[in-house]
Amino acid sequence: MPLTRFQKLAAAALISVLFLMFVGATVRVTGSGMGCPDWPTCWGCLIPPTDVDDVDFDKLPIERFQKKAERMGRDPESITVDSLRAEFNPRHVWTEFTNRLCSLPVGFFSLVTFIAAFWQREKRPLVFWMAFTSLIVILINAWMGARVVYSGLKPGVLTAHLALAMLLTGMLMYCAWRGTDRPWQVRMAAAPLIRLKWAVALLLAMVVAEGILGAQVREMTDELAKFHVNAPRATWIGELEESWKYLAHRSFSWIVFATTIRAWMLTVRHREGGPGWVERSVLGIVLAQMLLGLVMAQVHIYSWVQVLHVGLAAVLLSLIWLWAFGLRFFPSARVPSGC
């Protein structure tokens, strides 16, 4: 079933958010979060320098850096021209700057989606409010991105940043799904449909919880990267296993897997036409995530595995949102097939 123009705009906004989450994961695993010490400029420039000698430190608002750092719980005296000069790393600078550039399509498509949602107000008012709230969340997350910089990557700020991004994927997915007279739905008898609704709702809640735990684990790996600069990443596993958060995250993944299998079996047995691409994609990504987690737990914490693990988690969450929406029942609408 072809997408409407509004659905294409909402889908573009969602895809740009997912891509940004991949890039953001790259920023974190490479330790580039402080590549630009200021915001919205980077080292006082719209286009950041490639060499520390090109930085005009006299133009940097050092006092403002110190005041903001103090408000975020850091020692203001630790931020000096010499400390900033020592922290300059061109690879980190351009990785973080690329992350900021990738946020521009998110803002653009979300704004255009909100404008287009004005034509949805009468028929689908919730779509309009979801588009409006999405734009607000993006603005809040942009502001929080600045707090992330000035806090020196403070753990709580990072987790809140991710939590808002997870909420954003659900709102944009709703807009992309419901922005038509005939949204995609799952065709199934009433009794098994109710059981499947509960299974997918539980799966959604657990993936969100697993994502929050994963953010805590990534914060721990960030700290390990800071204090074990010359230590091999393979040695991190032993230290991580001393944390209940890491053990809970690793063990909880099996519950996610079991719930996914339960929802899959209900779909195989009762959905007309069997599993579609949404259900197959969810199962495939969950299996891939289990494999990636096994690699990090038993083999090595590879940077590229971390990036893929975080990025696929964002895609998985978006697909589960879609699956949950597709289980809603509109008695006056003819159920389209094809998914």
Protein backbone atom coordinates (compact mmCIF):
# COMPACT_ATOMS: atom_id res chain seq x y z
CA MET A 1 0.00 0.00 0.00
CA PRO A 2 1.63 3.31 -1.07
CA LEU A 3 2.44 5.86 1.60
CA THR A 4 0.77 9.24 1.66
CA ARG A 5 2.86 12.39 1.38
CA PHE A 6 2.47 13.02 5.10
CA GLN A 7 3.57 9.49 5.94
CA LYS A 8 6.68 9.91 3.79
CA LEU A 9 7.59 13.10 5.66
CA ALA A 10 7.08 11.45 9.05
CA ALA A 11 9.05 8.39 7.90
CA ALA A 12 11.89 10.67 6.75
CA ALA A 13 11.93 12.33 10.16
CA LEU A 14 12.04 8.92 11.87
CA ILE A 15 14.82 7.61 9.63
CA SER A 16 16.88 10.74 10.27
CA VAL A 17 16.49 10.17 14.03
CA LEU A 18 17.58 6.52 13.71
CA PHE A 19 20.60 7.51 11.61
CA LEU A 20 21.52 10.16 14.17
CA MET A 21 21.41 7.51 16.90
CA PHE A 22 23.89 5.41 14.91
CA VAL A 23 26.16 8.44 14.59
CA GLY A 24 25.70 9.30 18.26
CA ALA A 25 26.77 5.78 19.19
CA THR A 26 29.91 6.28 17.10
CA VAL A 27 30.62 9.49 19.00
CA ARG A 28 30.38 7.69 22.30
CA VAL A 29 32.49 4.61 21.52
CA THR A 30 35.23 6.77 20.00
CA GLY A 31 35.22 9.09 23.02
CA SER A 32 34.42 12.08 20.84
CA GLY A 33 31.65 13.52 22.98
CA MET A 34 33.86 16.42 24.08
CA GLY A 35 35.35 16.91 20.62
CA CYS A 36 33.67 20.32 20.58
CA PRO A 37 33.82 22.04 23.99
CA ASP A 38 31.27 24.72 23.02
CA TRP A 39 27.83 24.74 21.45
CA PRO A 40 26.42 25.58 18.89
CA THR A 41 29.86 26.59 17.56
CA CYS A 42 32.81 24.20 17.71
CA TRP A 43 36.01 25.66 19.10
CA GLY A 44 34.52 29.08 18.46
CA CYS A 45 33.99 28.37 14.74
CA LEU A 46 31.05 27.45 12.54
CA ILE A 47 33.41 25.09 10.69
CA PRO A 48 35.82 23.57 13.21
CA PRO A 49 39.59 23.71 12.77
CA THR A 50 41.73 20.69 11.97
CA ASP A 51 44.75 21.78 13.99
CA VAL A 52 45.05 23.17 17.51
CA ASP A 53 47.19 26.03 16.21
CA ASP A 54 44.20 27.26 14.22
CA VAL A 55 42.12 27.72 17.38
CA ASP A 56 41.79 31.27 18.66
CA PHE A 57 41.57 30.60 22.38
CA ASP A 58 41.05 34.29 23.10
CA LYS A 59 37.65 34.03 21.43
CA LEU A 60 36.53 31.03 23.47
CA PRO A 61 34.21 31.92 26.39
CA ILE A 62 36.33 30.23 29.05
CA GLU A 63 34.46 31.88 31.94
CA ARG A 64 31.15 30.69 30.53
CA PHE A 65 32.57 27.17 30.23
CA GLN A 66 33.61 27.33 33.88
CA LYS A 67 30.26 28.65 35.13
CA LYS A 68 28.29 26.03 33.27
CA ALA A 69 30.68 23.31 34.42
CA GLU A 70 30.18 24.42 38.03
CA ARG A 71 26.40 24.28 37.66
CA MET A 72 26.74 20.74 36.32
CA GLY A 73 28.89 19.61 39.26
CA ARG A 74 32.36 19.86 37.70
CA ASP A 75 35.36 21.69 39.12
CA PRO A 76 35.43 25.03 37.23
CA GLU A 77 39.15 25.41 37.86
CA SER A 78 39.78 22.31 35.77
CA ILE A 79 38.74 24.17 32.63
CA THR A 80 41.59 26.35 31.39
CA VAL A 81 43.16 27.28 28.09
CA ASP A 82 45.89 24.72 28.72
CA SER A 83 43.39 21.94 29.51
CA LEU A 84 41.36 22.76 26.40
CA ARG A 85 44.51 22.84 24.27
CA ALA A 86 45.53 19.43 25.61
CA GLU A 87 42.06 18.02 24.88
CA PHE A 88 42.02 19.08 21.22
CA ASN A 89 41.82 16.02 18.98
CA PRO A 90 40.98 16.61 15.30
CA ARG A 91 39.43 13.15 14.88
CA HIS A 92 37.18 13.72 17.88
CA VAL A 93 36.38 17.24 16.73
CA TRP A 94 35.12 16.14 13.34
CA THR A 95 33.32 13.08 14.66
CA GLU A 96 31.33 15.25 17.07
CA PHE A 97 30.83 17.93 14.40
CA THR A 98 29.45 15.29 12.01
CA ASN A 99 27.06 14.25 14.76
CA ARG A 100 25.82 17.84 14.97
CA LEU A 101 25.43 18.08 11.20
CA CYS A 102 23.34 14.91 11.21
CA SER A 103 20.94 16.56 13.63
CA LEU A 104 19.98 19.13 10.98
CA PRO A 105 17.83 16.71 8.90
CA VAL A 106 16.09 15.65 12.12
CA GLY A 107 15.05 19.23 12.83
CA PHE A 108 14.11 19.94 9.22
CA PHE A 109 11.93 16.88 8.61
CA SER A 110 10.31 17.15 12.05
CA LEU A 111 9.40 20.78 11.40
CA VAL A 112 8.02 19.96 7.95
CA THR A 113 6.07 17.04 9.42
CA PHE A 114 4.56 19.34 12.03
CA ILE A 115 3.55 21.88 9.37
CA ALA A 116 2.00 19.13 7.25
CA ALA A 117 0.17 17.83 10.34
CA PHE A 118 -2.05 20.93 10.30
CA TRP A 119 -3.97 19.23 7.48
CA GLN A 120 -4.44 16.18 9.74
CA ARG A 121 -6.04 18.04 12.64
CA GLU A 122 -9.71 17.44 11.84
CA LYS A 123 -9.56 13.80 10.80
CA ARG A 124 -6.67 12.67 13.01
CA PRO A 125 -6.07 15.14 15.85
CA LEU A 126 -3.75 12.76 17.72
CA VAL A 127 -1.41 12.73 14.72
CA PHE A 128 -1.21 16.52 14.90
CA TRP A 129 -0.39 16.48 18.60
CA MET A 130 2.17 13.73 18.15
CA ALA A 131 3.89 15.76 15.43
CA PHE A 132 3.80 18.86 17.66
CA THR A 133 5.15 16.98 20.68
CA SER A 134 7.88 15.40 18.52
CA LEU A 135 9.09 18.85 17.53
CA ILE A 136 9.13 19.95 21.17
CA VAL A 137 11.06 16.83 22.21
CA ILE A 138 13.62 17.49 19.47
CA LEU A 139 14.13 21.05 20.72
CA ILE A 140 14.50 19.79 24.29
CA ASN A 141 16.98 17.14 23.17
CA ALA A 142 18.96 19.76 21.23
CA TRP A 143 19.12 21.86 24.41
CA MET A 144 20.08 18.75 26.36
CA GLY A 145 22.83 18.09 23.82
CA ALA A 146 24.41 21.34 24.97
CA ARG A 147 24.03 20.20 28.59
CA VAL A 148 25.80 16.97 27.66
CA VAL A 149 28.76 19.00 26.40
CA TYR A 150 28.96 21.36 29.35
CA SER A 151 28.44 18.59 31.91
CA GLY A 152 31.51 16.76 30.64
CA LEU A 153 29.34 13.81 29.55
CA LYS A 154 27.66 13.48 32.95
CA PRO A 155 25.99 10.03 33.12
CA GLY A 156 22.49 11.11 34.16
CA VAL A 157 22.31 13.68 31.40
CA LEU A 158 23.31 11.11 28.82
CA THR A 159 20.65 8.65 29.95
CA ALA A 160 17.93 11.32 29.84
CA HIS A 161 19.16 12.30 26.37
CA LEU A 162 18.70 8.70 25.19
CA ALA A 163 15.32 8.27 26.92
CA LEU A 164 13.91 11.27 25.05
CA ALA A 165 15.23 9.85 21.79
CA MET A 166 13.46 6.56 22.51
CA LEU A 167 10.20 8.43 23.15
CA LEU A 168 10.71 10.39 19.95
CA THR A 169 10.90 7.22 17.83
CA GLY A 170 7.48 6.16 19.12
CA MET A 171 5.82 9.49 18.35
CA LEU A 172 7.27 9.74 14.87
CA MET A 173 6.40 6.12 14.14
CA TYR A 174 2.82 6.84 15.17
CA CYS A 175 2.69 9.77 12.73
CA ALA A 176 4.15 7.62 9.94
CA TRP A 177 1.71 4.81 10.69
CA ARG A 178 -1.52 6.70 11.30
CA GLY A 179 -1.15 9.46 8.71
CA THR A 180 -3.59 7.76 6.33
CA ASP A 181 -7.22 6.67 6.22
CA ARG A 182 -6.16 3.03 6.07
CA PRO A 183 -3.23 2.38 8.40
CA TRP A 184 -1.52 -0.98 8.41
CA GLN A 185 -3.14 -3.48 10.78
CA VAL A 186 -2.69 -7.10 11.79
CA ARG A 187 -5.57 -9.35 10.71
CA MET A 188 -6.30 -11.85 13.46
CA ALA A 189 -9.20 -13.32 15.44
CA ALA A 190 -10.20 -11.39 18.56
CA ALA A 191 -9.04 -13.83 21.26
CA PRO A 192 -5.45 -14.40 20.01
CA LEU A 193 -5.25 -10.72 19.06
CA ILE A 194 -5.72 -9.76 22.70
CA ARG A 195 -2.99 -12.18 23.78
CA LEU A 196 -0.67 -10.83 21.11
CA LYS A 197 -1.38 -7.25 22.20
CA TRP A 198 -0.27 -8.10 25.72
CA ALA A 199 2.83 -9.92 24.47
CA VAL A 200 3.91 -7.03 22.23
CA ALA A 201 3.12 -4.46 24.95
CA LEU A 202 5.31 -6.44 27.35
CA LEU A 203 8.02 -6.70 24.72
CA LEU A 204 7.90 -2.94 24.18
CA ALA A 205 8.20 -2.22 27.90
CA MET A 206 11.10 -4.64 28.29
CA VAL A 207 13.01 -3.26 25.30
CA VAL A 208 12.65 0.25 26.75
CA ALA A 209 13.89 -1.01 30.14
CA GLU A 210 16.71 -2.90 28.44
CA GLY A 211 17.64 0.28 26.56
CA ILE A 212 17.84 2.27 29.80
CA LEU A 213 20.00 -0.43 31.37
CA GLY A 214 22.12 -0.46 28.23
CA ALA A 215 22.63 3.29 28.56
CA GLN A 216 23.88 2.72 32.11
CA VAL A 217 26.28 0.05 30.86
CA ARG A 218 27.55 2.36 28.13
CA GLU A 219 28.16 5.03 30.77
CA MET A 220 30.30 2.50 32.62
CA THR A 221 32.28 1.72 29.48
CA ASP A 222 32.77 5.47 29.00
CA GLU A 223 34.30 5.65 32.47
CA LEU A 224 36.48 2.62 31.77
CA ALA A 225 37.71 4.31 28.60
CA LYS A 226 38.69 7.40 30.62
CA PHE A 227 40.59 5.60 33.37
CA HIS A 228 42.00 2.66 31.39
CA VAL A 229 43.45 4.49 28.43
CA ASN A 230 46.23 2.00 27.75
CA ALA A 231 44.41 -1.11 28.93
CA PRO A 232 42.99 -3.48 26.29
CA ARG A 233 39.21 -3.37 25.96
CA ALA A 234 39.03 -7.12 26.60
CA THR A 235 39.95 -6.46 30.25
CA TRP A 236 36.81 -4.34 30.70
CA ILE A 237 34.55 -7.39 30.78
CA GLY A 238 35.86 -8.51 34.16
CA GLU A 239 35.18 -5.12 35.72
CA LEU A 240 31.76 -4.84 34.11
CA GLU A 241 30.75 -8.20 35.56
CA GLU A 242 31.15 -6.70 39.04
CA SER A 243 28.22 -4.38 38.34
CA TRP A 244 24.61 -5.51 38.87
CA LYS A 245 23.52 -3.21 36.04
CA TYR A 246 25.69 -5.04 33.53
CA LEU A 247 24.58 -8.46 34.80
CA ALA A 248 20.93 -7.38 34.73
CA HIS A 249 21.28 -6.03 31.19
CA ARG A 250 22.91 -9.24 30.01
CA SER A 251 20.42 -11.53 31.73
CA PHE A 252 17.37 -9.43 30.85
CA SER A 253 18.10 -9.96 27.17
CA TRP A 254 16.96 -13.58 27.54
CA ILE A 255 13.57 -12.39 28.79
CA VAL A 256 13.31 -10.11 25.76
CA PHE A 257 14.15 -13.07 23.56
CA ALA A 258 11.56 -15.33 25.23
CA THR A 259 8.84 -12.68 24.90
CA THR A 260 9.71 -12.18 21.24
CA ILE A 261 9.38 -15.93 20.63
CA ARG A 262 6.00 -15.90 22.39
CA ALA A 263 4.71 -13.09 20.17
CA TRP A 264 6.18 -14.79 17.10
CA MET A 265 4.42 -18.09 17.84
CA LEU A 266 1.09 -16.33 18.33
CA THR A 267 1.58 -14.65 14.96
CA VAL A 268 2.54 -17.90 13.22
CA ARG A 269 -0.49 -19.71 14.61
CA HIS A 270 -3.17 -17.08 14.30
CA ARG A 271 -2.27 -14.25 11.92
CA GLU A 272 -3.91 -14.49 8.52
CA GLY A 273 -1.09 -14.97 6.02
CA GLY A 274 1.51 -15.64 8.71
CA PRO A 275 4.27 -13.30 9.89
CA GLY A 276 4.92 -10.22 7.76
CA TRP A 277 8.07 -8.15 7.34
CA VAL A 278 7.51 -6.32 10.63
CA GLU A 279 7.39 -9.50 12.71
CA ARG A 280 10.26 -11.10 10.77
CA SER A 281 12.39 -7.98 11.21
CA VAL A 282 11.75 -7.86 14.95
CA LEU A 283 12.73 -11.51 15.39
CA GLY A 284 15.80 -11.09 13.17
CA ILE A 285 17.06 -8.03 15.05
CA VAL A 286 16.49 -9.66 18.45
CA LEU A 287 18.54 -12.67 17.33
CA ALA A 288 21.26 -10.35 15.98
CA GLN A 289 21.31 -8.43 19.26
CA MET A 290 21.72 -11.66 21.20
CA LEU A 291 24.67 -12.58 19.00
CA LEU A 292 26.29 -9.14 19.35
CA GLY A 293 25.80 -9.26 23.13
CA LEU A 294 27.43 -12.69 23.21
CA VAL A 295 30.43 -11.36 21.28
CA MET A 296 30.88 -8.46 23.70
CA ALA A 297 30.42 -10.65 26.79
CA GLN A 298 32.58 -13.60 25.74
CA VAL A 299 34.98 -12.42 23.03
CA HIS A 300 35.80 -8.71 22.97
CA ILE A 301 34.12 -5.32 23.34
CA TYR A 302 34.71 -4.19 19.77
CA SER A 303 33.85 -0.56 19.03
CA TRP A 304 31.98 -1.43 15.83
CA VAL A 305 29.95 -4.05 17.70
CA GLN A 306 28.91 -1.44 20.26
CA VAL A 307 27.80 0.96 17.51
CA LEU A 308 25.84 -1.75 15.71
CA HIS A 309 24.30 -2.93 18.99
CA VAL A 310 23.04 0.57 19.87
CA GLY A 311 21.85 1.36 16.35
CA LEU A 312 19.96 -1.91 15.94
CA ALA A 313 18.33 -1.36 19.34
CA ALA A 314 16.88 1.92 18.03
CA VAL A 315 15.59 0.23 14.87
CA LEU A 316 14.15 -2.62 16.96
CA LEU A 317 12.29 -0.22 19.23
CA SER A 318 10.80 1.59 16.23
CA LEU A 319 9.57 -1.67 14.70
CA ILE A 320 8.00 -2.79 17.98
CA TRP A 321 6.20 0.56 18.17
CA LEU A 322 4.85 -0.12 14.68
CA TRP A 323 3.86 -3.67 15.62
CA ALA A 324 2.00 -2.41 18.68
CA PHE A 325 0.18 0.26 16.64
CA GLY A 326 -0.77 -2.32 14.02
CA LEU A 327 -2.55 -4.37 16.66
CA ARG A 328 -5.08 -1.63 17.29
CA PHE A 329 -8.57 -2.29 15.94
CA PHE A 330 -10.55 0.12 13.78
CA PRO A 331 -13.95 -1.51 13.19
CA SER A 332 -14.91 0.99 10.46
CA ALA A 333 -11.74 0.54 8.45
CA ARG A 334 -10.94 -2.24 5.99
CA VAL A 335 -7.73 -3.91 7.05
CA PRO A 336 -4.99 -3.56 4.43
CA SER A 337 -2.56 -6.36 3.88
CA GLY A 338 0.99 -6.50 2.61
CA CYS A 339 3.05 -6.16 5.78
